[in-house]
Amino acid sequence: MKEYLKKSRLLLHPKAFQLYIQNFPGAADFQQFHNNRDHFIYIDTPEELFARKELLIDECAKIFLAGKNLPSKEAIFWSPELKKEFITYASDNLKVSKAEVSRYVKF
């Protein structure tokens, strides 16, 4: 991080350093990039992977609920059709299978 912020390459690969220079005009841009959330699922430890998927599905549930004007995540289970609609919504947005979403839908 220090090399990136001070723009002095000692250990970084030249290509990585060049990409940084091209994409981040200033330290604030670099910091903002790292503070942004994304909806990608990365390969980490099994515990981190589970927590990441759970967090992303929870975020999808909040957006889904807001669009339906429903009071809580538990409302998704009020009808089988609503649950199925949410699973499809989360699957499409997270680019994972419906079966994968179903494993985490336990609000």
Protein backbone atom coordinates (compact mmCIF):
# COMPACT_ATOMS: atom_id res chain seq x y z
CA MET A 1 0.00 0.00 0.00
CA LYS A 2 2.83 2.36 0.90
CA GLU A 3 4.40 1.90 -2.54
CA TYR A 4 1.14 2.67 -4.28
CA LEU A 5 0.39 5.75 -2.22
CA LYS A 6 3.92 7.17 -2.44
CA LYS A 7 4.18 6.11 -6.11
CA SER A 8 7.57 4.57 -5.50
CA ARG A 9 8.03 1.05 -6.82
CA LEU A 10 10.38 -1.19 -4.86
CA LEU A 11 8.65 -4.57 -4.57
CA LEU A 12 5.64 -4.18 -6.83
CA HIS A 13 5.67 -5.75 -10.26
CA PRO A 14 6.13 -3.03 -12.91
CA LYS A 15 2.84 -3.99 -14.62
CA ALA A 16 0.86 -3.69 -11.37
CA PHE A 17 2.45 -0.34 -10.65
CA GLN A 18 1.70 0.94 -14.17
CA LEU A 19 -1.95 -0.15 -13.90
CA TYR A 20 -2.21 1.74 -10.62
CA ILE A 21 -0.77 4.92 -12.16
CA GLN A 22 -3.17 4.66 -15.13
CA ASN A 23 -6.32 4.00 -13.08
CA PHE A 24 -5.84 6.11 -9.95
CA PRO A 25 -4.77 9.72 -10.47
CA GLY A 26 -4.55 10.29 -6.72
CA ALA A 27 -4.41 8.50 -3.38
CA ALA A 28 -8.04 9.45 -2.66
CA ASP A 29 -9.17 7.63 -5.83
CA PHE A 30 -7.27 4.52 -4.76
CA GLN A 31 -8.77 4.65 -1.25
CA GLN A 32 -12.30 5.17 -2.61
CA PHE A 33 -11.88 2.18 -4.91
CA HIS A 34 -10.98 -0.02 -1.95
CA ASN A 35 -13.92 1.28 0.09
CA ASN A 36 -16.47 0.49 -2.62
CA ARG A 37 -18.50 -2.68 -2.24
CA ASP A 38 -19.05 -5.02 -5.11
CA HIS A 39 -21.30 -7.98 -5.79
CA PHE A 40 -18.64 -10.47 -6.70
CA ILE A 41 -17.96 -13.66 -4.80
CA TYR A 42 -14.27 -14.35 -4.36
CA ILE A 43 -12.58 -17.62 -3.45
CA ASP A 44 -11.37 -17.30 0.13
CA THR A 45 -11.49 -19.60 3.13
CA PRO A 46 -14.77 -21.53 3.43
CA GLU A 47 -15.83 -19.36 6.38
CA GLU A 48 -15.10 -16.12 4.51
CA LEU A 49 -16.84 -17.42 1.42
CA PHE A 50 -19.95 -18.36 3.43
CA ALA A 51 -20.00 -14.96 5.18
CA ARG A 52 -19.55 -13.09 1.87
CA LYS A 53 -22.39 -14.97 0.17
CA GLU A 54 -24.62 -14.48 3.20
CA LEU A 55 -23.90 -10.74 3.21
CA LEU A 56 -24.59 -10.36 -0.52
CA ILE A 57 -27.85 -12.31 -0.31
CA ASP A 58 -28.88 -10.17 2.67
CA GLU A 59 -28.19 -7.02 0.63
CA CYS A 60 -30.27 -8.43 -2.24
CA ALA A 61 -33.08 -9.11 0.22
CA LYS A 62 -33.09 -5.47 1.38
CA ILE A 63 -33.34 -4.19 -2.20
CA PHE A 64 -35.99 -6.78 -3.06
CA LEU A 65 -38.04 -5.86 0.02
CA ALA A 66 -37.85 -2.15 -0.73
CA GLY A 67 -39.17 -2.77 -4.24
CA LYS A 68 -42.06 -4.82 -2.90
CA ASN A 69 -42.78 -2.54 0.08
CA LEU A 70 -42.50 -5.48 2.48
CA PRO A 71 -41.71 -4.94 6.17
CA SER A 72 -38.99 -7.53 6.85
CA LYS A 73 -36.89 -10.30 5.32
CA GLU A 74 -39.21 -12.85 6.89
CA ALA A 75 -41.94 -11.52 4.59
CA ILE A 76 -40.22 -13.30 1.72
CA PHE A 77 -41.54 -16.56 3.19
CA TRP A 78 -45.15 -15.40 3.34
CA SER A 79 -45.84 -17.12 0.06
CA PRO A 80 -44.01 -19.74 -1.98
CA GLU A 81 -44.30 -17.48 -5.05
CA LEU A 82 -42.60 -14.59 -3.27
CA LYS A 83 -39.78 -16.84 -2.05
CA LYS A 84 -39.30 -18.22 -5.56
CA GLU A 85 -39.28 -14.69 -7.00
CA PHE A 86 -36.63 -13.60 -4.49
CA ILE A 87 -34.43 -16.61 -5.19
CA THR A 88 -34.58 -15.83 -8.91
CA TYR A 89 -33.86 -12.15 -8.22
CA ALA A 90 -30.82 -12.91 -6.04
CA SER A 91 -29.56 -15.58 -8.44
CA ASP A 92 -29.74 -13.20 -11.40
CA ASN A 93 -28.07 -10.33 -9.53
CA LEU A 94 -25.28 -12.35 -7.94
CA LYS A 95 -24.69 -14.61 -10.95
CA VAL A 96 -24.99 -17.79 -8.88
CA SER A 97 -27.38 -20.70 -9.16
CA LYS A 98 -30.80 -20.70 -7.55
CA ALA A 99 -29.73 -23.73 -5.51
CA GLU A 100 -26.82 -21.70 -4.14
CA VAL A 101 -29.14 -18.88 -3.08
CA SER A 102 -31.56 -21.37 -1.53
CA ARG A 103 -28.81 -22.66 0.77
CA TYR A 104 -28.46 -19.22 2.32
CA VAL A 105 -32.09 -18.13 2.50
CA LYS A 106 -32.80 -18.77 6.16
CA PHE A 107 -33.77 -15.31 7.41
